[in-house]
Amino acid sequence: MRRLLWTILAAASLFAGCREDSPPITNAEPPPDAGCVPVQVSQRYQVYFVIDVSGSMGPFLSDLADSLTAFAESFPERDDQDQRVLVEYYVVGFVNDVKWFPEATPRMTSVIAVQAAIQEAIAAGSNGQNLQQRSANAEIDENLLDALAAVVASNPDPDATKMILLATDANFREAPDSFSLNIPVQSTFGSILSDLTDLGAQIHAFTPGGLDGLTRTYRDQPALTTLPGSTVNDLNELGEAQATLSERLVVIAQGATCQ
């Protein structure tokens, strides 16, 4: 099955190796026999969709929601102790500000619930408004760092495999900067990088190429996607190819079983 999947995906070169010193996906073609043998399966996975819901991201996010069934089905059903594996999903939307979807019950365990949450987030950002207050999302930059800070503040399970699927086409700002109507940025890149490192989080970034802090260094600090197990996925390649997006998500889910 692994070899077949590599045959399908070789041109896109989607897979990041299991070793912690492996680099993120950077469109380098893997060898024909590359693959990940699951040597340790977690009992719990926590998957955070941290998504820029400004209008320009709507089409990709809809494709992402439509592709989630294959992603969810790619996690193992049982761990090494034959205990049932639990996969939890969370959706954090951001523009100038940040909001969980659904707000009252952000923890989800079904694909249908996640799809509905992503569609709710898309709708909230589609009219050019911010999410927590009815004001215009006037800037090109968005508040990615505070969205990631919300994930950290939610106290993920230290024993879970933590995966952040991050989708954005915008640059970010960091504290002490602010957005219109005095929406402050409360986080710095360095603090977020440090916190995500401490969490042991994987960052699977869906972005255009060349975004500081995501696909390349930011002020002499390494990109978030240099964290072990992380990947870089080019939006320009995926924007018109839903089948390719589904395949990419399958590889990311299967790769999460590598330790």
C-alpha atoms as a PDB file:
ATOM      1  CA  MET A   1       0.000   0.000   0.000  1.00  0.00           C
ATOM      2  CA  ARG A   2       2.824   2.397   0.872  1.00  0.00           C
ATOM      3  CA  ARG A   3       4.648   1.714  -2.354  1.00  0.00           C
ATOM      4  CA  LEU A   4       1.463   2.200  -4.331  1.00  0.00           C
ATOM      5  CA  LEU A   5       0.806   5.508  -2.602  1.00  0.00           C
ATOM      6  CA  TRP A   6       4.332   6.666  -3.396  1.00  0.00           C
ATOM      7  CA  THR A   7       3.795   5.790  -7.029  1.00  0.00           C
ATOM      8  CA  ILE A   8       0.685   7.964  -7.103  1.00  0.00           C
ATOM      9  CA  LEU A   9       2.323  10.858  -5.287  1.00  0.00           C
ATOM     10  CA  ALA A  10       5.906  10.779  -6.527  1.00  0.00           C
ATOM     11  CA  ALA A  11       5.566  13.794  -8.791  1.00  0.00           C
ATOM     12  CA  ALA A  12       4.224  15.884  -5.935  1.00  0.00           C
ATOM     13  CA  SER A  13       6.782  14.547  -3.452  1.00  0.00           C
ATOM     14  CA  LEU A  14       4.527  14.726  -0.496  1.00  0.00           C
ATOM     15  CA  PHE A  15       6.161  12.743   2.257  1.00  0.00           C
ATOM     16  CA  ALA A  16       8.388  13.897   5.119  1.00  0.00           C
ATOM     17  CA  GLY A  17      10.525  11.170   6.730  1.00  0.00           C
ATOM     18  CA  CYS A  18       9.980   9.670  10.153  1.00  0.00           C
ATOM     19  CA  ARG A  19      13.344  10.656  11.595  1.00  0.00           C
ATOM     20  CA  GLU A  20      13.268  13.764  13.709  1.00  0.00           C
ATOM     21  CA  ASP A  21      16.155  15.267  11.772  1.00  0.00           C
ATOM     22  CA  SER A  22      14.320  14.923   8.464  1.00  0.00           C
ATOM     23  CA  PRO A  23      13.667  18.233   6.679  1.00  0.00           C
ATOM     24  CA  PRO A  24      10.136  19.410   5.920  1.00  0.00           C
ATOM     25  CA  ILE A  25       8.558  18.726   2.551  1.00  0.00           C
ATOM     26  CA  THR A  26      10.169  21.057   0.044  1.00  0.00           C
ATOM     27  CA  ASN A  27       9.141  19.491  -3.278  1.00  0.00           C
ATOM     28  CA  ALA A  28      12.149  17.175  -3.328  1.00  0.00           C
ATOM     29  CA  GLU A  29      11.225  13.840  -4.914  1.00  0.00           C
ATOM     30  CA  PRO A  30      11.596  10.895  -2.495  1.00  0.00           C
ATOM     31  CA  PRO A  31      13.334   7.691  -3.510  1.00  0.00           C
ATOM     32  CA  PRO A  32      11.045   5.018  -5.031  1.00  0.00           C
ATOM     33  CA  ASP A  33      11.190   2.802  -1.951  1.00  0.00           C
ATOM     34  CA  ALA A  34      10.660   5.606   0.578  1.00  0.00           C
ATOM     35  CA  GLY A  35       8.075   4.858   3.202  1.00  0.00           C
ATOM     36  CA  CYS A  36       7.224   5.005   6.857  1.00  0.00           C
ATOM     37  CA  VAL A  37       6.931   1.843   8.914  1.00  0.00           C
ATOM     38  CA  PRO A  38       4.691   2.650  11.896  1.00  0.00           C
ATOM     39  CA  VAL A  39       6.836   1.608  14.838  1.00  0.00           C
ATOM     40  CA  GLN A  40       4.683   3.277  17.498  1.00  0.00           C
ATOM     41  CA  VAL A  41       1.063   4.357  17.204  1.00  0.00           C
ATOM     42  CA  SER A  42      -0.339   6.929  19.620  1.00  0.00           C
ATOM     43  CA  GLN A  43      -3.596   6.220  21.398  1.00  0.00           C
ATOM     44  CA  ARG A  44      -4.648   9.848  20.969  1.00  0.00           C
ATOM     45  CA  TYR A  45      -4.215  12.372  18.160  1.00  0.00           C
ATOM     46  CA  GLN A  46      -5.169  16.023  18.470  1.00  0.00           C
ATOM     47  CA  VAL A  47      -5.585  17.715  15.103  1.00  0.00           C
ATOM     48  CA  TYR A  48      -5.899  21.498  14.977  1.00  0.00           C
ATOM     49  CA  PHE A  49      -7.040  23.219  11.799  1.00  0.00           C
ATOM     50  CA  VAL A  50      -5.649  26.745  12.143  1.00  0.00           C
ATOM     51  CA  ILE A  51      -7.140  28.496   9.143  1.00  0.00           C
ATOM     52  CA  ASP A  52      -7.024  31.967   7.664  1.00  0.00           C
ATOM     53  CA  VAL A  53     -10.692  32.581   6.816  1.00  0.00           C
ATOM     54  CA  SER A  54     -10.244  35.814   4.877  1.00  0.00           C
ATOM     55  CA  GLY A  55     -12.120  35.773   1.576  1.00  0.00           C
ATOM     56  CA  SER A  56      -9.203  34.717  -0.600  1.00  0.00           C
ATOM     57  CA  MET A  57      -8.871  31.423   1.293  1.00  0.00           C
ATOM     58  CA  GLY A  58     -12.506  30.352   0.889  1.00  0.00           C
ATOM     59  CA  PRO A  59     -12.138  28.095  -2.201  1.00  0.00           C
ATOM     60  CA  PHE A  60      -9.183  26.189  -0.767  1.00  0.00           C
ATOM     61  CA  LEU A  61     -10.833  25.766   2.624  1.00  0.00           C
ATOM     62  CA  SER A  62     -13.970  24.354   0.966  1.00  0.00           C
ATOM     63  CA  ASP A  63     -11.794  21.817  -0.851  1.00  0.00           C
ATOM     64  CA  LEU A  64     -10.074  21.043   2.444  1.00  0.00           C
ATOM     65  CA  ALA A  65     -13.413  20.327   4.121  1.00  0.00           C
ATOM     66  CA  ASP A  66     -14.469  18.113   1.220  1.00  0.00           C
ATOM     67  CA  SER A  67     -11.228  16.113   1.499  1.00  0.00           C
ATOM     68  CA  LEU A  68     -11.370  15.297   5.200  1.00  0.00           C
ATOM     69  CA  THR A  69     -12.974  11.867   4.981  1.00  0.00           C
ATOM     70  CA  ALA A  70      -9.887  10.308   3.416  1.00  0.00           C
ATOM     71  CA  PHE A  71      -7.717  12.104   5.973  1.00  0.00           C
ATOM     72  CA  ALA A  72      -9.704  10.775   8.936  1.00  0.00           C
ATOM     73  CA  GLU A  73      -9.825   7.236   7.567  1.00  0.00           C
ATOM     74  CA  SER A  74      -6.020   7.163   7.299  1.00  0.00           C
ATOM     75  CA  PHE A  75      -5.452   7.128  11.053  1.00  0.00           C
ATOM     76  CA  PRO A  76      -5.005   3.652  12.578  1.00  0.00           C
ATOM     77  CA  GLU A  77      -7.984   2.213  14.406  1.00  0.00           C
ATOM     78  CA  ARG A  78      -5.932   0.746  17.262  1.00  0.00           C
ATOM     79  CA  ASP A  79      -2.629   1.494  18.960  1.00  0.00           C
ATOM     80  CA  ASP A  80       0.251  -0.837  19.811  1.00  0.00           C
ATOM     81  CA  GLN A  81      -1.616  -2.081  22.899  1.00  0.00           C
ATOM     82  CA  ASP A  82      -4.730  -2.838  20.828  1.00  0.00           C
ATOM     83  CA  GLN A  83      -6.547   0.099  22.409  1.00  0.00           C
ATOM     84  CA  ARG A  84      -8.896   2.084  20.250  1.00  0.00           C
ATOM     85  CA  VAL A  85      -7.249   5.221  18.834  1.00  0.00           C
ATOM     86  CA  LEU A  86      -8.971   8.526  19.543  1.00  0.00           C
ATOM     87  CA  VAL A  87      -8.650  11.373  17.034  1.00  0.00           C
ATOM     88  CA  GLU A  88      -9.876  14.786  18.215  1.00  0.00           C
ATOM     89  CA  TYR A  89     -10.332  17.737  15.874  1.00  0.00           C
ATOM     90  CA  TYR A  90     -10.368  21.472  16.543  1.00  0.00           C
ATOM     91  CA  VAL A  91     -10.915  24.441  14.220  1.00  0.00           C
ATOM     92  CA  VAL A  92      -9.360  27.835  14.953  1.00  0.00           C
ATOM     93  CA  GLY A  93     -10.197  30.589  12.465  1.00  0.00           C
ATOM     94  CA  PHE A  94      -8.322  33.842  12.194  1.00  0.00           C
ATOM     95  CA  VAL A  95      -8.248  37.129  10.307  1.00  0.00           C
ATOM     96  CA  ASN A  96      -7.295  40.207  12.356  1.00  0.00           C
ATOM     97  CA  ASP A  97      -8.685  38.352  15.371  1.00  0.00           C
ATOM     98  CA  VAL A  98      -9.194  34.711  16.390  1.00  0.00           C
ATOM     99  CA  LYS A  99     -12.191  32.458  17.075  1.00  0.00           C
ATOM    100  CA  TRP A 100     -12.843  28.755  17.746  1.00  0.00           C
ATOM    101  CA  PHE A 101     -15.450  26.984  15.621  1.00  0.00           C
ATOM    102  CA  PRO A 102     -17.875  25.909  16.917  1.00  0.00           C
ATOM    103  CA  GLU A 103     -17.343  28.304  19.778  1.00  0.00           C
ATOM    104  CA  ALA A 104     -19.348  26.460  22.455  1.00  0.00           C
ATOM    105  CA  THR A 105     -17.947  22.958  21.830  1.00  0.00           C
ATOM    106  CA  PRO A 106     -14.632  23.191  19.949  1.00  0.00           C
ATOM    107  CA  ARG A 107     -13.661  19.537  20.508  1.00  0.00           C
ATOM    108  CA  MET A 108     -14.942  17.281  17.723  1.00  0.00           C
ATOM    109  CA  THR A 109     -14.533  13.606  16.906  1.00  0.00           C
ATOM    110  CA  SER A 110     -16.535  13.294  13.664  1.00  0.00           C
ATOM    111  CA  VAL A 111     -15.617  14.412  10.172  1.00  0.00           C
ATOM    112  CA  ILE A 112     -19.103  15.796   9.599  1.00  0.00           C
ATOM    113  CA  ALA A 113     -18.731  18.097  12.602  1.00  0.00           C
ATOM    114  CA  VAL A 114     -15.325  19.310  11.395  1.00  0.00           C
ATOM    115  CA  GLN A 115     -16.653  19.990   7.913  1.00  0.00           C
ATOM    116  CA  ALA A 116     -19.511  22.017   9.371  1.00  0.00           C
ATOM    117  CA  ALA A 117     -17.105  23.962  11.590  1.00  0.00           C
ATOM    118  CA  ILE A 118     -14.847  24.828   8.638  1.00  0.00           C
ATOM    119  CA  GLN A 119     -17.850  25.959   6.588  1.00  0.00           C
ATOM    120  CA  GLU A 120     -19.023  28.093   9.532  1.00  0.00           C
ATOM    121  CA  ALA A 121     -15.560  29.659   9.724  1.00  0.00           C
ATOM    122  CA  ILE A 122     -15.509  30.325   5.964  1.00  0.00           C
ATOM    123  CA  ALA A 123     -18.889  32.061   6.203  1.00  0.00           C
ATOM    124  CA  ALA A 124     -17.734  34.183   9.141  1.00  0.00           C
ATOM    125  CA  GLY A 125     -14.781  35.543   7.157  1.00  0.00           C
ATOM    126  CA  SER A 126     -16.352  35.734   3.717  1.00  0.00           C
ATOM    127  CA  ASN A 127     -17.888  39.196   4.102  1.00  0.00           C
ATOM    128  CA  GLY A 128     -14.602  40.914   4.883  1.00  0.00           C
ATOM    129  CA  GLN A 129     -15.362  41.188   8.585  1.00  0.00           C
ATOM    130  CA  ASN A 130     -13.402  40.226  11.660  1.00  0.00           C
ATOM    131  CA  LEU A 131     -14.638  37.326  13.747  1.00  0.00           C
ATOM    132  CA  GLN A 132     -15.164  38.617  17.278  1.00  0.00           C
ATOM    133  CA  GLN A 133     -16.343  42.109  16.435  1.00  0.00           C
ATOM    134  CA  ARG A 134     -18.240  43.444  13.447  1.00  0.00           C
ATOM    135  CA  SER A 135     -15.449  45.504  11.977  1.00  0.00           C
ATOM    136  CA  ALA A 136     -13.670  45.372   8.649  1.00  0.00           C
ATOM    137  CA  ASN A 137     -10.704  43.096   8.118  1.00  0.00           C
ATOM    138  CA  ALA A 138      -8.804  45.936   6.508  1.00  0.00           C
ATOM    139  CA  GLU A 139      -5.223  44.628   6.377  1.00  0.00           C
ATOM    140  CA  ILE A 140      -3.463  42.214   4.048  1.00  0.00           C
ATOM    141  CA  ASP A 141      -1.587  40.693   6.999  1.00  0.00           C
ATOM    142  CA  GLU A 142      -3.477  38.411   9.394  1.00  0.00           C
ATOM    143  CA  ASN A 143      -3.128  37.364  13.026  1.00  0.00           C
ATOM    144  CA  LEU A 144      -1.648  33.878  12.661  1.00  0.00           C
ATOM    145  CA  LEU A 145       0.470  34.067  15.803  1.00  0.00           C
ATOM    146  CA  ASP A 146      -2.447  34.640  18.160  1.00  0.00           C
ATOM    147  CA  ALA A 147      -4.321  31.765  16.501  1.00  0.00           C
ATOM    148  CA  LEU A 148      -1.385  29.485  17.283  1.00  0.00           C
ATOM    149  CA  ALA A 149      -1.259  30.941  20.790  1.00  0.00           C
ATOM    150  CA  ALA A 150      -4.897  29.863  21.227  1.00  0.00           C
ATOM    151  CA  VAL A 151      -3.855  26.291  20.454  1.00  0.00           C
ATOM    152  CA  VAL A 152      -1.081  26.457  23.044  1.00  0.00           C
ATOM    153  CA  ALA A 153      -3.440  27.974  25.633  1.00  0.00           C
ATOM    154  CA  SER A 154      -5.932  25.118  25.153  1.00  0.00           C
ATOM    155  CA  ASN A 155      -3.471  22.820  26.979  1.00  0.00           C
ATOM    156  CA  PRO A 156      -3.125  19.940  24.525  1.00  0.00           C
ATOM    157  CA  ASP A 157      -2.605  16.501  26.002  1.00  0.00           C
ATOM    158  CA  PRO A 158       1.156  16.020  26.500  1.00  0.00           C
ATOM    159  CA  ASP A 159       0.808  12.331  25.587  1.00  0.00           C
ATOM    160  CA  ALA A 160      -1.112  12.940  22.349  1.00  0.00           C
ATOM    161  CA  THR A 161       0.387  13.329  18.900  1.00  0.00           C
ATOM    162  CA  LYS A 162      -0.340  16.977  18.133  1.00  0.00           C
ATOM    163  CA  MET A 163      -0.826  18.032  14.506  1.00  0.00           C
ATOM    164  CA  ILE A 164      -1.500  21.605  13.361  1.00  0.00           C
ATOM    165  CA  LEU A 165      -2.803  21.925   9.806  1.00  0.00           C
ATOM    166  CA  LEU A 166      -2.191  25.580   9.091  1.00  0.00           C
ATOM    167  CA  ALA A 167      -3.674  27.246   5.997  1.00  0.00           C
ATOM    168  CA  THR A 168      -2.928  30.861   5.055  1.00  0.00           C
ATOM    169  CA  ASP A 169      -1.834  32.997   2.129  1.00  0.00           C
ATOM    170  CA  ALA A 170      -0.944  36.033   4.266  1.00  0.00           C
ATOM    171  CA  ASN A 171       1.993  37.299   6.271  1.00  0.00           C
ATOM    172  CA  PHE A 172       1.567  37.782  10.022  1.00  0.00           C
ATOM    173  CA  ARG A 173       2.261  40.542  12.515  1.00  0.00           C
ATOM    174  CA  GLU A 174       3.760  40.102  15.960  1.00  0.00           C
ATOM    175  CA  ALA A 175       3.502  41.917  19.281  1.00  0.00           C
ATOM    176  CA  PRO A 176       3.560  44.793  20.031  1.00  0.00           C
ATOM    177  CA  ASP A 177       1.985  45.545  16.642  1.00  0.00           C
ATOM    178  CA  SER A 178      -1.777  45.885  16.188  1.00  0.00           C
ATOM    179  CA  PHE A 179      -4.489  45.856  13.533  1.00  0.00           C
ATOM    180  CA  SER A 180      -7.219  48.387  12.788  1.00  0.00           C
ATOM    181  CA  LEU A 181      -9.508  49.440  15.642  1.00  0.00           C
ATOM    182  CA  ASN A 182      -6.682  48.671  18.040  1.00  0.00           C
ATOM    183  CA  ILE A 183      -6.877  44.891  17.759  1.00  0.00           C
ATOM    184  CA  PRO A 184      -3.556  44.011  19.417  1.00  0.00           C
ATOM    185  CA  VAL A 185      -1.240  41.173  18.492  1.00  0.00           C
ATOM    186  CA  GLN A 186      -0.340  39.509  21.754  1.00  0.00           C
ATOM    187  CA  SER A 187       2.269  37.002  20.567  1.00  0.00           C
ATOM    188  CA  THR A 188       5.765  37.070  19.140  1.00  0.00           C
ATOM    189  CA  PHE A 189       7.150  34.617  16.626  1.00  0.00           C
ATOM    190  CA  GLY A 190       9.895  33.501  18.983  1.00  0.00           C
ATOM    191  CA  SER A 191       7.490  32.708  21.811  1.00  0.00           C
ATOM    192  CA  ILE A 192       5.193  30.730  19.506  1.00  0.00           C
ATOM    193  CA  LEU A 193       8.105  28.780  18.020  1.00  0.00           C
ATOM    194  CA  SER A 194       9.312  27.953  21.524  1.00  0.00           C
ATOM    195  CA  ASP A 195       5.846  26.927  22.746  1.00  0.00           C
ATOM    196  CA  LEU A 196       5.175  24.697  19.736  1.00  0.00           C
ATOM    197  CA  THR A 197       8.602  23.123  20.147  1.00  0.00           C
ATOM    198  CA  ASP A 198       7.801  22.354  23.794  1.00  0.00           C
ATOM    199  CA  LEU A 199       4.466  20.826  22.760  1.00  0.00           C
ATOM    200  CA  GLY A 200       6.165  18.586  20.218  1.00  0.00           C
ATOM    201  CA  ALA A 201       3.670  19.800  17.623  1.00  0.00           C
ATOM    202  CA  GLN A 202       3.894  19.031  13.932  1.00  0.00           C
ATOM    203  CA  ILE A 203       3.119  21.953  11.613  1.00  0.00           C
ATOM    204  CA  HIS A 204       1.605  21.049   8.255  1.00  0.00           C
ATOM    205  CA  ALA A 205       1.524  24.377   6.403  1.00  0.00           C
ATOM    206  CA  PHE A 206      -0.654  24.954   3.346  1.00  0.00           C
ATOM    207  CA  THR A 207       0.706  28.217   1.965  1.00  0.00           C
ATOM    208  CA  PRO A 208       2.081  29.786  -1.185  1.00  0.00           C
ATOM    209  CA  GLY A 209       5.850  29.568  -1.417  1.00  0.00           C
ATOM    210  CA  GLY A 210       8.048  32.121   0.284  1.00  0.00           C
ATOM    211  CA  LEU A 211       6.212  33.121   3.465  1.00  0.00           C
ATOM    212  CA  ASP A 212       8.515  34.302   6.239  1.00  0.00           C
ATOM    213  CA  GLY A 213       8.287  32.142   9.332  1.00  0.00           C
ATOM    214  CA  LEU A 214       6.402  29.371   7.555  1.00  0.00           C
ATOM    215  CA  THR A 215       8.452  28.293   4.558  1.00  0.00           C
ATOM    216  CA  ARG A 216      11.629  30.246   5.386  1.00  0.00           C
ATOM    217  CA  THR A 217      13.361  31.881   8.310  1.00  0.00           C
ATOM    218  CA  TYR A 218      11.955  34.882  10.141  1.00  0.00           C
ATOM    219  CA  ARG A 219      14.442  37.347  11.658  1.00  0.00           C
ATOM    220  CA  ASP A 220      17.114  34.663  11.853  1.00  0.00           C
ATOM    221  CA  GLN A 221      14.745  32.204  13.523  1.00  0.00           C
ATOM    222  CA  PRO A 222      13.874  28.888  11.851  1.00  0.00           C
ATOM    223  CA  ALA A 223      10.538  28.429  10.124  1.00  0.00           C
ATOM    224  CA  LEU A 224       7.730  26.713  12.025  1.00  0.00           C
ATOM    225  CA  THR A 225       7.838  23.906   9.483  1.00  0.00           C
ATOM    226  CA  THR A 226      11.322  22.919  10.635  1.00  0.00           C
ATOM    227  CA  LEU A 227       9.715  21.271  13.678  1.00  0.00           C
ATOM    228  CA  PRO A 228      10.063  17.469  13.483  1.00  0.00           C
ATOM    229  CA  GLY A 229       7.414  15.742  11.377  1.00  0.00           C
ATOM    230  CA  SER A 230       6.239  18.983   9.747  1.00  0.00           C
ATOM    231  CA  THR A 231       5.469  19.527   6.062  1.00  0.00           C
ATOM    232  CA  VAL A 232       5.177  22.357   3.542  1.00  0.00           C
ATOM    233  CA  ASN A 233       2.355  22.108   1.007  1.00  0.00           C
ATOM    234  CA  ASP A 234       2.167  24.671  -1.799  1.00  0.00           C
ATOM    235  CA  LEU A 235      -1.293  26.218  -2.261  1.00  0.00           C
ATOM    236  CA  ASN A 236      -0.463  27.013  -5.861  1.00  0.00           C
ATOM    237  CA  GLU A 237      -0.181  23.284  -6.578  1.00  0.00           C
ATOM    238  CA  LEU A 238      -3.287  22.309  -4.639  1.00  0.00           C
ATOM    239  CA  GLY A 239      -5.721  25.076  -5.532  1.00  0.00           C
ATOM    240  CA  GLU A 240      -7.219  23.360  -8.572  1.00  0.00           C
ATOM    241  CA  ALA A 241      -6.602  19.718  -7.721  1.00  0.00           C
ATOM    242  CA  GLN A 242      -8.848  18.355  -4.997  1.00  0.00           C
ATOM    243  CA  ALA A 243      -7.703  14.780  -5.651  1.00  0.00           C
ATOM    244  CA  THR A 244      -4.124  15.858  -5.011  1.00  0.00           C
ATOM    245  CA  LEU A 245      -5.192  17.571  -1.782  1.00  0.00           C
ATOM    246  CA  SER A 246      -6.887  14.388  -0.584  1.00  0.00           C
ATOM    247  CA  GLU A 247      -3.752  12.391  -1.336  1.00  0.00           C
ATOM    248  CA  ARG A 248      -1.607  14.934   0.489  1.00  0.00           C
ATOM    249  CA  LEU A 249      -3.816  14.717   3.565  1.00  0.00           C
ATOM    250  CA  VAL A 250      -3.661  10.916   3.503  1.00  0.00           C
ATOM    251  CA  VAL A 251       0.131  10.984   3.537  1.00  0.00           C
ATOM    252  CA  ILE A 252       0.167  13.515   6.396  1.00  0.00           C
ATOM    253  CA  ALA A 253      -2.161  11.340   8.489  1.00  0.00           C
ATOM    254  CA  GLN A 254      -0.198   8.173   7.798  1.00  0.00           C
ATOM    255  CA  GLY A 255       3.098   9.923   8.452  1.00  0.00           C
ATOM    256  CA  ALA A 256       1.890  10.917  11.934  1.00  0.00           C
ATOM    257  CA  THR A 257       2.317   7.293  13.053  1.00  0.00           C
ATOM    258  CA  CYS A 258       6.102   7.592  12.586  1.00  0.00           C
ATOM    259  CA  GLN A 259       8.065   8.111  15.771  1.00  0.00           C
END
